[in-house]
Protein backbone atom coordinates (compact mmCIF):
# COMPACT_ATOMS: atom_id res chain seq x y z
CA MET A 1 80.03 120.31 115.08
CA LYS A 2 79.65 116.51 114.63
CA LEU A 3 82.29 115.08 112.25
CA LEU A 4 82.35 111.70 110.67
CA VAL A 5 85.67 110.20 109.61
CA THR A 6 85.77 107.08 107.60
CA GLY A 7 88.83 104.93 107.66
CA GLY A 8 89.98 106.61 110.73
CA CYS A 9 91.82 103.80 112.18
CA GLY A 10 94.40 103.85 109.13
CA PHE A 11 97.65 105.86 108.84
CA ILE A 12 96.47 109.43 107.54
CA GLY A 13 93.01 108.96 109.11
CA SER A 14 94.28 108.25 112.64
CA ASP A 15 96.75 111.09 112.48
CA PHE A 16 93.94 113.34 111.43
CA ILE A 17 91.77 112.31 114.28
CA ARG A 18 94.42 112.55 116.92
CA TRP A 19 95.29 116.25 115.69
CA ILE A 20 91.67 117.34 115.05
CA LEU A 21 90.63 116.27 118.59
CA ASP A 22 93.37 118.30 120.02
CA ALA A 23 93.22 121.38 117.89
CA ARG A 24 89.32 121.62 117.73
CA PRO A 25 87.67 121.25 121.23
CA ASP A 26 84.30 122.27 119.69
CA LEU A 27 84.22 119.08 117.39
CA GLN A 28 82.76 115.66 118.19
CA VAL A 29 84.29 112.96 116.14
CA THR A 30 82.88 109.35 114.76
CA ASN A 31 85.31 107.24 113.36
CA LEU A 32 83.53 104.47 110.90
CA ASP A 33 86.23 101.78 110.12
CA SER A 34 85.79 98.18 109.32
CA LEU A 35 89.31 97.38 110.81
CA THR A 36 90.69 95.16 107.93
CA TYR A 37 94.24 94.63 107.73
CA ALA A 38 95.73 98.08 107.83
CA GLY A 39 93.27 99.58 110.26
CA ASN A 40 94.45 99.32 113.79
CA LEU A 41 92.85 100.53 116.98
CA GLU A 42 96.22 101.08 118.59
CA ASN A 43 96.85 104.13 116.39
CA LEU A 44 93.97 105.78 118.34
CA ALA A 45 94.42 104.28 121.91
CA GLU A 46 95.07 107.76 123.25
CA CYS A 47 91.62 108.93 121.92
CA GLU A 48 89.64 105.97 123.57
CA ALA A 49 88.78 108.04 126.81
CA ASN A 50 87.96 111.18 125.03
CA PRO A 51 84.17 111.94 125.49
CA ARG A 52 84.19 113.55 121.98
CA TYR A 53 85.56 110.60 120.11
CA ARG A 54 83.44 107.40 119.20
CA PHE A 55 84.53 104.40 117.13
CA VAL A 56 82.04 102.45 114.99
CA ARG A 57 83.15 99.45 113.20
CA GLY A 58 81.47 99.21 109.61
CA SER A 59 82.34 99.13 106.12
CA VAL A 60 81.74 102.26 103.71
CA ALA A 61 80.04 99.70 101.38
CA ASP A 62 77.40 98.71 104.08
CA ALA A 63 74.68 101.18 103.31
CA ASP A 64 72.84 100.65 106.53
CA ALA A 65 76.03 101.29 108.85
CA VAL A 66 76.79 104.18 106.55
CA ASP A 67 73.35 105.64 106.86
CA ALA A 68 73.20 105.34 110.72
CA ALA A 69 76.45 107.02 110.90
CA VAL A 70 75.72 109.83 108.28
CA ARG A 71 72.58 110.58 110.21
CA GLU A 72 74.27 111.89 113.18
CA ALA A 73 76.96 114.01 111.35
CA GLU A 74 77.17 117.32 109.92
CA GLY A 75 80.28 116.99 107.80
CA ILE A 76 82.27 113.86 106.29
CA VAL A 77 86.20 113.54 105.71
CA HIS A 78 86.48 110.40 103.81
CA PHE A 79 89.69 108.44 104.11
CA ALA A 80 88.55 104.95 103.92
CA ALA A 81 89.98 103.24 100.86
CA GLU A 82 91.92 100.16 99.57
CA SER A 83 95.37 102.09 99.17
CA HIS A 84 98.25 99.72 98.36
CA VAL A 85 99.02 99.65 94.46
CA ASP A 86 100.85 96.37 94.92
CA ARG A 87 97.67 94.68 96.45
CA SER A 88 95.38 95.99 93.58
CA LEU A 89 97.45 93.77 91.39
CA TYR A 90 95.73 90.68 93.20
CA GLY A 91 92.38 91.84 94.14
CA PRO A 92 90.99 94.76 91.95
CA VAL A 93 87.46 93.94 92.76
CA ASP A 94 87.96 94.66 96.39
CA PHE A 95 89.37 98.10 95.31
CA ALA A 96 86.28 98.90 93.23
CA ARG A 97 83.80 97.89 96.17
CA THR A 98 85.61 99.96 98.64
CA ASN A 99 86.96 102.86 96.52
CA VAL A 100 83.95 103.19 94.15
CA GLU A 101 80.91 101.60 95.74
CA GLY A 102 81.77 102.56 99.18
CA THR A 103 82.45 106.29 98.22
CA VAL A 104 79.00 106.29 96.30
CA VAL A 105 77.14 104.65 99.22
CA LEU A 106 78.55 107.67 101.41
CA LEU A 107 77.59 110.20 98.75
CA GLU A 108 74.27 109.06 98.56
CA ALA A 109 73.96 109.21 102.54
CA ALA A 110 75.37 112.49 102.64
CA ARG A 111 72.87 113.71 100.09
CA ARG A 112 69.89 112.18 101.69
CA HIS A 113 70.86 113.82 105.22
CA ARG A 114 71.90 117.06 103.62
CA LEU A 115 75.43 117.21 105.19
CA ARG A 116 77.15 120.56 105.40
CA ARG A 117 80.31 119.26 103.61
CA PHE A 118 82.00 116.11 102.07
CA VAL A 119 85.72 115.95 101.81
CA LEU A 120 86.87 113.14 99.97
CA VAL A 121 90.64 112.32 100.38
CA SER A 122 92.30 111.25 97.07
CA THR A 123 95.59 110.94 95.58
CA ASP A 124 97.94 112.23 92.92
CA GLU A 125 98.03 108.74 91.51
CA VAL A 126 94.97 109.52 89.67
CA TYR A 127 96.82 112.01 87.22
CA GLY A 128 99.28 109.03 86.00
CA SER A 129 102.78 109.25 84.98
CA LEU A 130 104.49 112.54 84.79
CA ALA A 131 107.28 113.43 82.16
CA GLU A 132 110.76 114.51 83.57
CA GLU A 133 109.36 118.10 83.62
CA GLY A 134 106.56 120.01 84.85
CA THR A 135 103.72 119.43 87.56
CA PHE A 136 100.27 118.23 87.74
CA THR A 137 97.66 120.98 88.28
CA GLU A 138 93.99 120.31 89.52
CA SER A 139 92.97 120.63 85.81
CA SER A 140 95.34 118.33 84.50
CA PRO A 141 93.55 114.97 82.90
CA LEU A 142 93.20 111.75 84.84
CA ALA A 143 95.05 108.80 83.42
CA PRO A 144 95.53 106.33 86.38
CA SER A 145 97.73 103.49 85.59
CA SER A 146 96.64 100.82 88.16
CA ALA A 147 93.43 99.37 89.61
CA TYR A 148 94.03 101.44 92.84
CA SER A 149 94.25 104.95 91.10
CA ALA A 150 91.64 103.93 88.54
CA THR A 151 89.18 103.26 91.49
CA LYS A 152 90.26 106.57 93.37
CA ALA A 153 89.75 108.46 90.20
CA ALA A 154 86.25 106.85 89.74
CA GLY A 155 85.41 107.97 93.24
CA ASP A 156 86.55 111.63 92.39
CA LEU A 157 84.53 111.72 89.48
CA MET A 158 81.33 110.39 91.31
CA ALA A 159 81.83 112.94 93.91
CA LEU A 160 82.04 115.72 91.44
CA ALA A 161 78.87 114.27 89.71
CA TYR A 162 77.25 114.57 92.90
CA ARG A 163 78.17 118.14 93.41
CA ARG A 164 76.84 119.08 89.87
CA THR A 165 73.96 116.85 89.74
CA PHE A 166 72.55 117.27 93.32
CA GLY A 167 74.35 120.21 94.61
CA LEU A 168 76.24 118.30 97.51
CA ASP A 169 78.95 120.42 98.91
CA VAL A 170 81.91 118.28 98.02
CA VAL A 171 85.75 119.16 98.04
CA ILE A 172 88.59 116.84 96.91
CA THR A 173 92.15 116.73 98.21
CA ARG A 174 94.76 115.08 96.14
CA GLY A 175 97.73 114.21 98.07
CA SER A 176 101.24 113.28 97.25
CA ASN A 177 103.11 110.21 98.65
CA THR A 178 102.65 110.42 102.42
CA TYR A 179 104.69 109.09 105.21
CA GLY A 180 105.16 109.33 108.85
CA PRO A 181 104.63 107.32 112.17
CA HIS A 182 101.96 104.62 112.39
CA GLN A 183 102.08 103.84 108.61
CA TYR A 184 101.43 100.22 107.56
CA PRO A 185 104.82 98.68 106.70
CA GLU A 186 103.76 97.58 103.21
CA LYS A 187 104.54 101.06 101.94
CA PHE A 188 107.84 102.06 100.90
CA ILE A 189 109.43 104.11 103.66
CA PRO A 190 108.36 102.08 106.69
CA LEU A 191 108.79 98.77 104.80
CA PHE A 192 112.53 99.99 104.37
CA ILE A 193 112.89 101.21 107.95
CA THR A 194 111.64 98.06 109.67
CA ASN A 195 113.47 95.92 107.16
CA ALA A 196 116.50 97.74 107.93
CA LEU A 197 116.15 97.79 111.56
CA GLU A 198 115.87 93.99 111.49
CA ASP A 199 119.00 93.73 108.99
CA ARG A 200 116.98 92.22 106.22
CA PRO A 201 117.14 92.92 102.69
CA CYS A 202 114.92 95.98 101.38
CA PRO A 203 113.40 95.44 97.96
CA LEU A 204 113.51 98.32 95.55
CA TYR A 205 111.58 98.01 92.11
CA GLY A 206 113.20 98.41 89.22
CA ASP A 207 116.31 100.74 88.47
CA GLY A 208 114.92 102.76 91.53
CA ARG A 209 114.64 106.02 89.53
CA ASN A 210 110.97 106.59 89.83
CA VAL A 211 110.30 110.17 91.35
CA ARG A 212 107.79 110.59 94.21
CA ASP A 213 107.01 113.76 95.97
CA TRP A 214 106.98 113.12 99.73
CA LEU A 215 104.51 114.98 102.12
CA TYR A 216 104.78 114.45 105.88
CA VAL A 217 101.53 113.06 107.41
CA ARG A 218 101.06 116.09 109.63
CA ASP A 219 101.12 118.50 107.00
CA HIS A 220 98.69 116.26 104.92
CA THR A 221 96.29 116.34 107.94
CA ARG A 222 96.45 120.10 108.10
CA GLY A 223 95.79 120.40 104.30
CA ILE A 224 92.74 118.27 104.51
CA TRP A 225 91.36 120.21 107.30
CA ALA A 226 91.93 123.32 105.62
CA ALA A 227 90.15 122.17 102.55
CA PHE A 228 87.13 121.09 104.72
CA GLU A 229 87.07 124.69 106.39
CA GLY A 230 88.08 126.89 103.47
CA GLY A 231 87.81 125.10 100.36
CA ARG A 232 85.28 125.85 97.62
CA SER A 233 82.67 123.62 96.80
CA GLY A 234 83.09 121.32 93.82
CA GLU A 235 86.79 122.16 93.80
CA VAL A 236 90.02 120.26 93.71
CA TYR A 237 93.11 121.02 95.89
CA ASN A 238 96.58 119.47 95.39
CA LEU A 239 98.43 118.80 98.63
CA GLY A 240 102.03 118.15 97.87
CA GLY A 241 105.25 118.13 99.79
CA GLY A 242 107.57 119.80 97.44
CA ASN A 243 110.26 117.15 98.17
CA GLU A 244 110.83 115.31 94.96
CA ARG A 245 113.19 112.32 95.24
CA ARG A 246 114.28 109.29 93.18
CA ASN A 247 113.11 105.97 95.08
CA VAL A 248 116.84 105.04 95.24
CA ASP A 249 118.06 108.27 96.87
CA VAL A 250 115.00 107.75 99.62
CA ALA A 251 116.14 104.24 100.00
CA ARG A 252 119.71 105.31 100.82
CA ALA A 253 118.37 108.10 103.01
CA VAL A 254 116.31 105.59 104.90
CA LEU A 255 119.37 103.25 105.40
CA ARG A 256 121.60 106.40 106.53
CA ALA A 257 119.06 107.37 108.90
CA VAL A 258 118.60 104.17 110.61
CA GLY A 259 122.50 103.45 110.44
CA ARG A 260 122.65 100.28 107.97
CA PRO A 261 124.78 99.77 104.78
CA GLU A 262 123.37 100.37 101.30
CA SER A 263 124.02 96.56 100.55
CA LEU A 264 120.72 96.02 102.15
CA ILE A 265 118.97 97.50 98.97
CA GLN A 266 117.89 94.64 96.70
CA HIS A 267 116.70 95.35 93.39
CA VAL A 268 113.73 93.42 92.22
CA ALA A 269 111.77 93.31 88.95
CA ASP A 270 109.68 96.33 88.44
CA ARG A 271 105.96 95.92 89.02
CA PRO A 272 103.44 96.33 86.03
CA GLY A 273 102.18 99.67 85.31
CA HIS A 274 104.72 101.42 87.60
CA ASP A 275 104.30 105.22 87.08
CA ARG A 276 107.71 106.96 86.48
CA ARG A 277 107.26 110.29 88.30
CA TYR A 278 104.74 112.36 90.25
CA ALA A 279 104.93 116.21 91.03
CA LEU A 280 102.19 118.40 92.07
CA ASP A 281 101.61 122.27 91.61
CA THR A 282 100.15 123.17 94.91
CA ARG A 283 99.66 126.94 94.38
CA LYS A 284 95.73 126.75 94.37
CA ALA A 285 96.04 125.14 97.96
CA ARG A 286 98.32 127.64 99.18
CA ALA A 287 96.34 130.74 97.86
CA GLU A 288 92.84 129.42 98.65
CA LEU A 289 93.49 127.67 101.69
CA GLY A 290 96.39 129.34 103.14
CA TRP A 291 98.24 125.90 103.57
CA ALA A 292 101.66 125.02 103.04
CA PRO A 293 103.77 122.08 104.13
CA ASP A 294 105.95 122.85 107.33
CA ILE A 295 108.02 119.77 107.58
CA PRO A 296 111.33 119.30 105.43
CA PHE A 297 111.89 115.74 104.27
CA GLU A 298 115.07 115.20 106.22
CA ARG A 299 113.11 116.15 109.44
CA GLY A 300 110.38 114.24 108.76
CA LEU A 301 112.31 111.18 107.69
CA SER A 302 114.38 111.33 111.05
CA ASP A 303 111.26 111.63 113.10
CA THR A 304 109.84 108.70 111.35
CA VAL A 305 112.74 106.42 111.81
CA ALA A 306 112.83 107.47 115.44
CA TRP A 307 108.95 106.61 115.82
CA TYR A 308 109.44 103.03 114.43
CA ARG A 309 112.65 102.61 116.40
CA ASP A 310 110.89 103.26 119.67
CA HIS A 311 107.80 101.23 118.78
CA ALA A 312 109.34 97.90 118.20
CA GLU A 313 106.42 96.14 119.69
CA TRP A 314 103.92 97.78 117.48
CA VAL A 315 106.03 96.83 114.50
CA ARG A 316 106.03 93.25 115.51
CA ARG A 317 102.39 92.93 116.04
CA VAL A 318 101.69 94.56 112.52
CA LYS A 319 104.38 92.53 110.64
CA SER A 320 102.55 89.39 111.30
CA GLY A 321 99.51 87.42 110.15
CA ASP A 322 98.39 89.00 106.74
CA TYR A 323 101.33 91.17 106.43
CA ARG A 324 103.57 88.18 106.48
CA THR A 325 101.38 86.06 103.98
CA TYR A 326 101.23 89.27 101.69
CA TYR A 327 105.05 89.79 101.92
CA GLU A 328 106.08 86.25 101.08
CA ARG A 329 103.83 85.99 98.24
CA HIS A 330 104.70 89.27 96.69
CA TYR A 331 108.32 89.53 97.29
CA GLY A 332 109.09 85.93 97.78
CA ILE A 333 111.14 85.59 101.05
CA GLY A 334 114.26 83.23 100.50
CA ASN A 335 113.61 83.13 96.92
CA ARG A 336 113.51 86.77 95.10
CA LEU A 337 115.28 88.37 97.72
CA GLU A 338 118.54 85.97 97.98
CA PRO A 339 121.66 87.67 97.03
CA GLY A 340 122.08 88.17 93.28
CA ALA A 341 118.22 87.09 92.62
CA ARG A 342 115.87 89.02 90.57
CA SER A 343 112.11 88.68 91.07
CA LEU A 344 109.60 87.97 88.79
CA GLU A 345 106.44 89.76 87.81
CA PRO A 346 103.84 88.89 90.57
CA GLU A 347 101.28 86.09 89.47
CA ILE A 348 98.08 87.95 89.71
CA GLN A 349 95.70 85.52 88.29
CA ASP A 350 93.41 83.64 90.93
CA GLU A 351 94.97 85.21 93.70
CA LYS A 352 93.05 87.33 96.39
CA PRO A 353 94.58 89.03 99.44
CA THR A 354 92.73 90.29 102.49
CA SER A 355 91.08 93.58 101.65
CA SER A 356 91.29 96.96 103.66
CA THR A 357 88.87 99.52 104.15
């Protein structure tokens, strides 16, 4: 089978490609990625010589590039997205262009070429914030809080509309907070790991009591493929790790794993619209897909820290250029993170960072 993966040079997409090429020797994979800031060809260096792998540079919002790629495919796994909530404070139009328009361009091409299956990789953030008790099920209402989650929710709804209106075979996965090797270090866990390894302050929003459910990247990858193979058309599947942790507790766990003191934690002003808690009910995925996460949080974190420690050159190359510009703007190196300092709310008007697809 010929599989089109979008955004395959990113964090989860690259893990998916590495795994699927190894697990399924009957598959040919085309990776469509525009290589913006979070897309990294190094993440797939080991796949370049594989005759079953092909890379095509292009944006999901480019109808011609998408049509050419979809024409040769039988199925799509759609990862490509603007994915960082913090960046959506500065460039929400970029998020709408990729996460909504790009998804519709792909859906239309898939409909036109009558693809076998379209899996949209979404997020638990589309559900919004959860009270202290309970979990989100696939039938929970969508109540996104950020431009990122709102555009992902819009993409989900468009995919379901294509199923209902045109009969396109669509399946949606909604994953919880994912972590592991190769993750771009603007995200919470790799940010803390890489800063701590450099003995630099680690910025923690607000009181640090926001709760997230952590899912190791390989478990997420397996869940996405299980949905492609066994998911019912038109259905949504929650993929959660069952590892609820307060952010401050994750921060402390990272510092212990790196071997650095908790004094590196620097509380900064909370970001606007910061959801308090996420938690997913995964019974549907377990029952219908036969999927369950395998990696306990402590083991996954240990493996992740070891990877970043062993790939200092990768980190050095990634934490330059656009990353440095964004970090200085958002956190204010030498200002907001000085001992005892409190950061201000981001100044979001007339600011626009480099986008990521």
